[in-house]
PDB file of N, CA and C in Angstrom:
ATOM      1  N   MET A   1     -91.141  61.233 -87.121  1.00  0.00           N
ATOM      2  CA  MET A   1     -90.881  62.330 -86.108  1.00  0.00           C
ATOM      3  C   MET A   1     -90.394  61.992 -85.014  1.00  0.00           C
ATOM      4  N   GLU A   2     -89.460  62.634 -84.342  1.00  0.00           N
ATOM      5  CA  GLU A   2     -89.054  62.367 -82.732  1.00  0.00           C
ATOM      6  C   GLU A   2     -90.131  62.731 -81.716  1.00  0.00           C
ATOM      7  N   LYS A   3     -90.282  61.913 -80.762  1.00  0.00           N
ATOM      8  CA  LYS A   3     -91.050  62.060 -79.364  1.00  0.00           C
ATOM      9  C   LYS A   3     -90.826  62.834 -78.720  1.00  0.00           C
ATOM     10  N   ILE A   4     -91.652  62.859 -77.933  1.00  0.00           N
ATOM     11  CA  ILE A   4     -91.528  64.302 -77.363  1.00  0.00           C
ATOM     12  C   ILE A   4     -90.858  63.622 -75.234  1.00  0.00           C
ATOM     13  N   ARG A   5     -90.114  64.170 -75.026  1.00  0.00           N
ATOM     14  CA  ARG A   5     -89.128  63.239 -73.713  1.00  0.00           C
ATOM     15  C   ARG A   5     -90.082  63.269 -73.005  1.00  0.00           C
ATOM     16  N   PRO A   6     -90.978  62.640 -71.889  1.00  0.00           N
ATOM     17  CA  PRO A   6     -91.407  62.727 -70.750  1.00  0.00           C
ATOM     18  C   PRO A   6     -91.273  63.926 -70.034  1.00  0.00           C
ATOM     19  N   GLU A   7     -89.916  63.700 -69.903  1.00  0.00           N
ATOM     20  CA  GLU A   7     -89.180  65.034 -68.453  1.00  0.00           C
ATOM     21  C   GLU A   7     -90.176  65.963 -69.238  1.00  0.00           C
ATOM     22  N   ILE A   8     -89.864  66.401 -70.562  1.00  0.00           N
ATOM     23  CA  ILE A   8     -90.504  67.889 -71.335  1.00  0.00           C
ATOM     24  C   ILE A   8     -91.670  67.843 -70.872  1.00  0.00           C
ATOM     25  N   TYR A   9     -92.278  67.090 -71.457  1.00  0.00           N
ATOM     26  CA  TYR A   9     -94.137  66.738 -70.925  1.00  0.00           C
ATOM     27  C   TYR A   9     -94.424  67.345 -69.831  1.00  0.00           C
ATOM     28  N   TYR A  10     -93.685  66.338 -68.527  1.00  0.00           N
ATOM     29  CA  TYR A  10     -93.901  66.844 -67.501  1.00  0.00           C
ATOM     30  C   TYR A  10     -93.567  68.007 -66.783  1.00  0.00           C
ATOM     31  N   MET A  11     -92.523  68.533 -67.394  1.00  0.00           N
ATOM     32  CA  MET A  11     -91.972  70.023 -66.808  1.00  0.00           C
ATOM     33  C   MET A  11     -93.540  71.226 -67.222  1.00  0.00           C
ATOM     34  N   THR A  12     -93.979  70.879 -68.967  1.00  0.00           N
ATOM     35  CA  THR A  12     -94.432  71.923 -69.278  1.00  0.00           C
ATOM     36  C   THR A  12     -96.056  71.591 -68.597  1.00  0.00           C
ATOM     37  N   SER A  13     -96.797  70.395 -67.989  1.00  0.00           N
ATOM     38  CA  SER A  13     -97.405  70.691 -67.332  1.00  0.00           C
ATOM     39  C   SER A  13     -97.716  70.828 -66.357  1.00  0.00           C
ATOM     40  N   MET A  14     -96.201  70.507 -65.776  1.00  0.00           N
ATOM     41  CA  MET A  14     -96.179  71.242 -64.063  1.00  0.00           C
ATOM     42  C   MET A  14     -96.218  73.333 -64.574  1.00  0.00           C
ATOM     43  N   VAL A  15     -95.706  73.583 -65.311  1.00  0.00           N
ATOM     44  CA  VAL A  15     -95.580  75.101 -65.514  1.00  0.00           C
ATOM     45  C   VAL A  15     -96.830  75.415 -65.211  1.00  0.00           C
ATOM     46  N   PHE A  16     -97.865  74.820 -65.743  1.00  0.00           N
ATOM     47  CA  PHE A  16     -99.572  74.922 -66.153  1.00  0.00           C
ATOM     48  C   PHE A  16     -99.685  74.882 -65.042  1.00  0.00           C
ATOM     49  N   PHE A  17     -99.732  74.011 -64.160  1.00  0.00           N
ATOM     50  CA  PHE A  17    -100.227  73.964 -63.062  1.00  0.00           C
ATOM     51  C   PHE A  17     -99.520  74.846 -62.091  1.00  0.00           C
ATOM     52  N   LEU A  18     -98.619  74.922 -61.877  1.00  0.00           N
ATOM     53  CA  LEU A  18     -97.880  75.833 -61.237  1.00  0.00           C
ATOM     54  C   LEU A  18     -98.377  77.353 -61.270  1.00  0.00           C
ATOM     55  N   THR A  19     -98.667  78.102 -62.264  1.00  0.00           N
ATOM     56  CA  THR A  19     -98.839  78.838 -62.771  1.00  0.00           C
ATOM     57  C   THR A  19    -100.269  79.199 -62.316  1.00  0.00           C
ATOM     58  N   LYS A  20    -101.286  78.587 -62.455  1.00  0.00           N
ATOM     59  CA  LYS A  20    -102.996  78.549 -61.643  1.00  0.00           C
ATOM     60  C   LYS A  20    -102.571  78.434 -60.048  1.00  0.00           C
ATOM     61  N   HIS A  21    -102.093  77.254 -59.818  1.00  0.00           N
ATOM     62  CA  HIS A  21    -101.773  76.451 -58.096  1.00  0.00           C
ATOM     63  C   HIS A  21    -101.286  78.072 -57.166  1.00  0.00           C
ATOM     64  N   TRP A  22    -100.414  78.793 -58.190  1.00  0.00           N
ATOM     65  CA  TRP A  22     -99.453  79.762 -57.273  1.00  0.00           C
ATOM     66  C   TRP A  22    -100.049  81.443 -57.798  1.00  0.00           C
ATOM     67  N   ASN A  23    -101.860  81.091 -58.766  1.00  0.00           N
ATOM     68  CA  ASN A  23    -102.228  82.158 -58.979  1.00  0.00           C
ATOM     69  C   ASN A  23    -101.207  83.526 -59.807  1.00  0.00           C
ATOM     70  N   LYS A  24    -100.238  83.198 -60.307  1.00  0.00           N
ATOM     71  CA  LYS A  24     -99.641  83.939 -61.332  1.00  0.00           C
ATOM     72  C   LYS A  24     -99.837  84.396 -62.155  1.00  0.00           C
ATOM     73  N   THR A  25     -99.505  85.224 -62.928  1.00  0.00           N
ATOM     74  CA  THR A  25     -99.344  85.556 -64.333  1.00  0.00           C
ATOM     75  C   THR A  25     -98.580  84.839 -64.993  1.00  0.00           C
ATOM     76  N   ASN A  26     -98.438  84.247 -66.433  1.00  0.00           N
ATOM     77  CA  ASN A  26     -97.174  83.734 -67.279  1.00  0.00           C
ATOM     78  C   ASN A  26     -95.523  84.815 -66.892  1.00  0.00           C
ATOM     79  N   GLU A  27     -95.984  85.944 -66.966  1.00  0.00           N
ATOM     80  CA  GLU A  27     -94.754  86.778 -66.863  1.00  0.00           C
ATOM     81  C   GLU A  27     -94.188  86.543 -65.384  1.00  0.00           C
ATOM     82  N   GLU A  28     -95.036  86.343 -64.235  1.00  0.00           N
ATOM     83  CA  GLU A  28     -94.594  86.276 -62.792  1.00  0.00           C
ATOM     84  C   GLU A  28     -93.782  84.922 -62.924  1.00  0.00           C
ATOM     85  N   PHE A  29     -94.577  84.041 -63.434  1.00  0.00           N
ATOM     86  CA  PHE A  29     -93.874  82.709 -62.957  1.00  0.00           C
ATOM     87  C   PHE A  29     -92.356  82.702 -63.656  1.00  0.00           C
ATOM     88  N   ILE A  30     -92.482  83.321 -65.485  1.00  0.00           N
ATOM     89  CA  ILE A  30     -91.074  83.258 -66.144  1.00  0.00           C
ATOM     90  C   ILE A  30     -89.806  84.010 -64.660  1.00  0.00           C
ATOM     91  N   GLU A  31     -90.603  85.221 -64.396  1.00  0.00           N
ATOM     92  CA  GLU A  31     -89.223  85.943 -63.272  1.00  0.00           C
ATOM     93  C   GLU A  31     -89.198  84.992 -62.033  1.00  0.00           C
ATOM     94  N   LEU A  32     -90.112  84.139 -61.535  1.00  0.00           N
ATOM     95  CA  LEU A  32     -89.825  83.061 -60.587  1.00  0.00           C
ATOM     96  C   LEU A  32     -88.820  82.207 -61.208  1.00  0.00           C
ATOM     97  N   GLU A  33     -89.118  81.732 -62.442  1.00  0.00           N
ATOM     98  CA  GLU A  33     -88.167  80.925 -63.033  1.00  0.00           C
ATOM     99  C   GLU A  33     -86.625  81.190 -62.760  1.00  0.00           C
ATOM    100  N   ARG A  34     -86.466  82.328 -63.652  1.00  0.00           N
ATOM    101  CA  ARG A  34     -85.400  83.026 -63.534  1.00  0.00           C
ATOM    102  C   ARG A  34     -84.731  83.120 -62.465  1.00  0.00           C
ATOM    103  N   LYS A  35     -85.505  83.685 -61.377  1.00  0.00           N
ATOM    104  CA  LYS A  35     -84.144  83.771 -60.229  1.00  0.00           C
ATOM    105  C   LYS A  35     -84.221  82.617 -59.757  1.00  0.00           C
ATOM    106  N   TYR A  36     -84.724  81.264 -59.235  1.00  0.00           N
ATOM    107  CA  TYR A  36     -84.360  80.113 -59.034  1.00  0.00           C
ATOM    108  C   TYR A  36     -84.753  79.025 -59.774  1.00  0.00           C
ATOM    109  N   ASP A  37     -84.745  79.023 -61.387  1.00  0.00           N
ATOM    110  CA  ASP A  37     -84.354  77.973 -62.089  1.00  0.00           C
ATOM    111  C   ASP A  37     -85.100  76.882 -61.668  1.00  0.00           C
ATOM    112  N   ILE A  38     -86.237  76.748 -61.737  1.00  0.00           N
ATOM    113  CA  ILE A  38     -87.315  76.169 -61.404  1.00  0.00           C
ATOM    114  C   ILE A  38     -87.596  75.204 -62.183  1.00  0.00           C
ATOM    115  N   LEU A  39     -87.377  75.202 -63.863  1.00  0.00           N
ATOM    116  CA  LEU A  39     -87.411  73.815 -64.797  1.00  0.00           C
ATOM    117  C   LEU A  39     -86.344  73.024 -64.776  1.00  0.00           C
ATOM    118  N   SER A  40     -85.474  73.764 -63.888  1.00  0.00           N
ATOM    119  CA  SER A  40     -84.173  72.793 -63.803  1.00  0.00           C
ATOM    120  C   SER A  40     -84.578  71.621 -62.779  1.00  0.00           C
ATOM    121  N   TYR A  41     -84.863  72.335 -61.711  1.00  0.00           N
ATOM    122  CA  TYR A  41     -85.545  71.675 -60.374  1.00  0.00           C
ATOM    123  C   TYR A  41     -85.859  70.335 -60.745  1.00  0.00           C
ATOM    124  N   ILE A  42     -87.221  71.072 -61.223  1.00  0.00           N
ATOM    125  CA  ILE A  42     -88.331  69.895 -61.969  1.00  0.00           C
ATOM    126  C   ILE A  42     -87.693  68.729 -62.825  1.00  0.00           C
ATOM    127  N   THR A  43     -86.865  69.338 -63.826  1.00  0.00           N
ATOM    128  CA  THR A  43     -85.902  68.049 -64.804  1.00  0.00           C
ATOM    129  C   THR A  43     -85.359  67.037 -63.932  1.00  0.00           C
ATOM    130  N   ALA A  44     -84.404  67.673 -62.565  1.00  0.00           N
ATOM    131  CA  ALA A  44     -83.730  67.019 -62.126  1.00  0.00           C
ATOM    132  C   ALA A  44     -84.305  66.219 -61.151  1.00  0.00           C
ATOM    133  N   GLY A  45     -85.633  66.319 -60.487  1.00  0.00           N
ATOM    134  CA  GLY A  45     -86.402  65.753 -59.929  1.00  0.00           C
ATOM    135  C   GLY A  45     -87.478  64.542 -60.132  1.00  0.00           C
ATOM    136  N   TYR A  46     -87.332  64.693 -62.032  1.00  0.00           N
ATOM    137  CA  TYR A  46     -88.199  64.031 -62.972  1.00  0.00           C
ATOM    138  C   TYR A  46     -88.943  62.757 -62.390  1.00  0.00           C
ATOM    139  N   GLU A  47     -87.597  61.705 -61.621  1.00  0.00           N
ATOM    140  CA  GLU A  47     -87.893  60.585 -61.406  1.00  0.00           C
ATOM    141  C   GLU A  47     -88.932  60.535 -60.328  1.00  0.00           C
ATOM    142  N   SER A  48     -88.370  61.170 -59.451  1.00  0.00           N
ATOM    143  CA  SER A  48     -89.647  60.864 -58.255  1.00  0.00           C
ATOM    144  C   SER A  48     -90.724  61.638 -58.272  1.00  0.00           C
ATOM    145  N   PHE A  49     -90.577  63.245 -58.922  1.00  0.00           N
ATOM    146  CA  PHE A  49     -91.921  64.027 -58.980  1.00  0.00           C
ATOM    147  C   PHE A  49     -92.932  63.211 -59.696  1.00  0.00           C
ATOM    148  N   HIS A  50     -92.647  62.936 -60.855  1.00  0.00           N
ATOM    149  CA  HIS A  50     -93.841  62.214 -61.982  1.00  0.00           C
ATOM    150  C   HIS A  50     -94.548  61.260 -60.931  1.00  0.00           C
ATOM    151  N   LEU A  51     -94.095  60.808 -59.727  1.00  0.00           N
ATOM    152  CA  LEU A  51     -95.200  59.534 -59.121  1.00  0.00           C
ATOM    153  C   LEU A  51     -95.560  60.358 -58.201  1.00  0.00           C
ATOM    154  N   THR A  52     -95.270  61.348 -57.804  1.00  0.00           N
ATOM    155  CA  THR A  52     -95.699  62.229 -56.589  1.00  0.00           C
ATOM    156  C   THR A  52     -97.033  62.963 -56.359  1.00  0.00           C
ATOM    157  N   GLY A  53     -97.311  63.631 -57.409  1.00  0.00           N
ATOM    158  CA  GLY A  53     -98.809  63.892 -57.691  1.00  0.00           C
ATOM    159  C   GLY A  53     -98.710  65.775 -57.644  1.00  0.00           C
ATOM    160  N   ASP A  54     -99.295  66.602 -58.086  1.00  0.00           N
ATOM    161  CA  ASP A  54     -98.981  67.707 -58.606  1.00  0.00           C
ATOM    162  C   ASP A  54     -99.083  68.768 -57.260  1.00  0.00           C
ATOM    163  N   LEU A  55     -99.765  68.610 -56.507  1.00  0.00           N
ATOM    164  CA  LEU A  55     -99.793  69.389 -55.092  1.00  0.00           C
ATOM    165  C   LEU A  55     -98.290  69.176 -54.241  1.00  0.00           C
ATOM    166  N   GLY A  56     -98.115  67.828 -54.201  1.00  0.00           N
ATOM    167  CA  GLY A  56     -97.149  67.351 -53.712  1.00  0.00           C
ATOM    168  C   GLY A  56     -95.364  68.031 -54.603  1.00  0.00           C
ATOM    169  N   VAL A  57     -95.534  68.410 -55.442  1.00  0.00           N
ATOM    170  CA  VAL A  57     -94.521  68.643 -56.507  1.00  0.00           C
ATOM    171  C   VAL A  57     -94.439  70.153 -56.059  1.00  0.00           C
ATOM    172  N   ALA A  58     -95.705  70.815 -55.940  1.00  0.00           N
ATOM    173  CA  ALA A  58     -95.877  72.205 -55.468  1.00  0.00           C
ATOM    174  C   ALA A  58     -95.213  72.527 -53.932  1.00  0.00           C
ATOM    175  N   ASP A  59     -95.428  71.946 -53.453  1.00  0.00           N
ATOM    176  CA  ASP A  59     -95.211  72.100 -51.943  1.00  0.00           C
ATOM    177  C   ASP A  59     -93.460  71.580 -51.920  1.00  0.00           C
ATOM    178  N   GLU A  60     -93.180  70.819 -53.039  1.00  0.00           N
ATOM    179  CA  GLU A  60     -91.615  70.514 -52.916  1.00  0.00           C
ATOM    180  C   GLU A  60     -90.621  71.990 -53.365  1.00  0.00           C
ATOM    181  N   ILE A  61     -91.586  72.304 -54.390  1.00  0.00           N
ATOM    182  CA  ILE A  61     -90.442  73.384 -55.365  1.00  0.00           C
ATOM    183  C   ILE A  61     -90.881  74.480 -53.949  1.00  0.00           C
ATOM    184  N   GLU A  62     -91.702  74.833 -53.142  1.00  0.00           N
ATOM    185  CA  GLU A  62     -91.993  75.835 -52.709  1.00  0.00           C
ATOM    186  C   GLU A  62     -91.170  75.837 -51.717  1.00  0.00           C
ATOM    187  N   GLN A  63     -90.838  74.885 -50.829  1.00  0.00           N
ATOM    188  CA  GLN A  63     -89.804  74.673 -50.311  1.00  0.00           C
ATOM    189  C   GLN A  63     -88.367  74.989 -50.251  1.00  0.00           C
ATOM    190  N   TYR A  64     -87.979  74.551 -51.968  1.00  0.00           N
ATOM    191  CA  TYR A  64     -87.097  74.800 -52.544  1.00  0.00           C
ATOM    192  C   TYR A  64     -86.505  76.413 -52.382  1.00  0.00           C
ATOM    193  N   ILE A  65     -87.692  76.939 -52.948  1.00  0.00           N
ATOM    194  CA  ILE A  65     -87.622  78.374 -53.266  1.00  0.00           C
ATOM    195  C   ILE A  65     -87.291  78.990 -51.427  1.00  0.00           C
ATOM    196  N   LYS A  66     -88.012  78.481 -51.147  1.00  0.00           N
ATOM    197  CA  LYS A  66     -87.754  79.172 -49.641  1.00  0.00           C
ATOM    198  C   LYS A  66     -86.074  78.806 -48.996  1.00  0.00           C
ATOM    199  N   GLU A  67     -85.747  77.549 -49.456  1.00  0.00           N
ATOM    200  CA  GLU A  67     -84.215  77.472 -49.008  1.00  0.00           C
ATOM    201  C   GLU A  67     -83.207  78.229 -49.979  1.00  0.00           C
ATOM    202  N   GLN A  68     -83.569  79.129 -50.720  1.00  0.00           N
ATOM    203  CA  GLN A  68     -82.675  79.755 -51.659  1.00  0.00           C
ATOM    204  C   GLN A  68     -82.940  81.203 -50.839  1.00  0.00           C
ATOM    205  N   GLY A  69     -84.000  81.644 -50.023  1.00  0.00           N
ATOM    206  CA  GLY A  69     -84.027  82.755 -49.544  1.00  0.00           C
ATOM    207  C   GLY A  69     -85.455  83.246 -50.347  1.00  0.00           C
ATOM    208  N   GLY A  70     -86.113  82.371 -50.883  1.00  0.00           N
ATOM    209  CA  GLY A  70     -87.258  83.301 -51.527  1.00  0.00           C
ATOM    210  C   GLY A  70     -88.856  82.993 -51.178  1.00  0.00           C
ATOM    211  N   SER A  71     -89.369  83.875 -51.794  1.00  0.00           N
ATOM    212  CA  SER A  71     -90.913  83.099 -51.650  1.00  0.00           C
ATOM    213  C   SER A  71     -91.951  83.146 -53.075  1.00  0.00           C
ATOM    214  N   ILE A  72     -92.760  82.447 -52.592  1.00  0.00           N
ATOM    215  CA  ILE A  72     -94.155  82.180 -53.869  1.00  0.00           C
ATOM    216  C   ILE A  72     -95.256  83.778 -54.099  1.00  0.00           C
TER     217      ILE A  72
END
């Protein structure tokens, strides 16, 4: 059996956390993901993010989205 890569597990847990933290439905989160490629951003930042804590990562992603001209 192949092990799940840690960044995939982390990405999954962050999606769950962000959906709840931002009070979004799954569909609303998917729309944000499509617009801003949040999952790629999480994957790219995995090395520092997994040590930061969920709220800190949420802040980083919110800042990233604002820099793209968007909002949560």
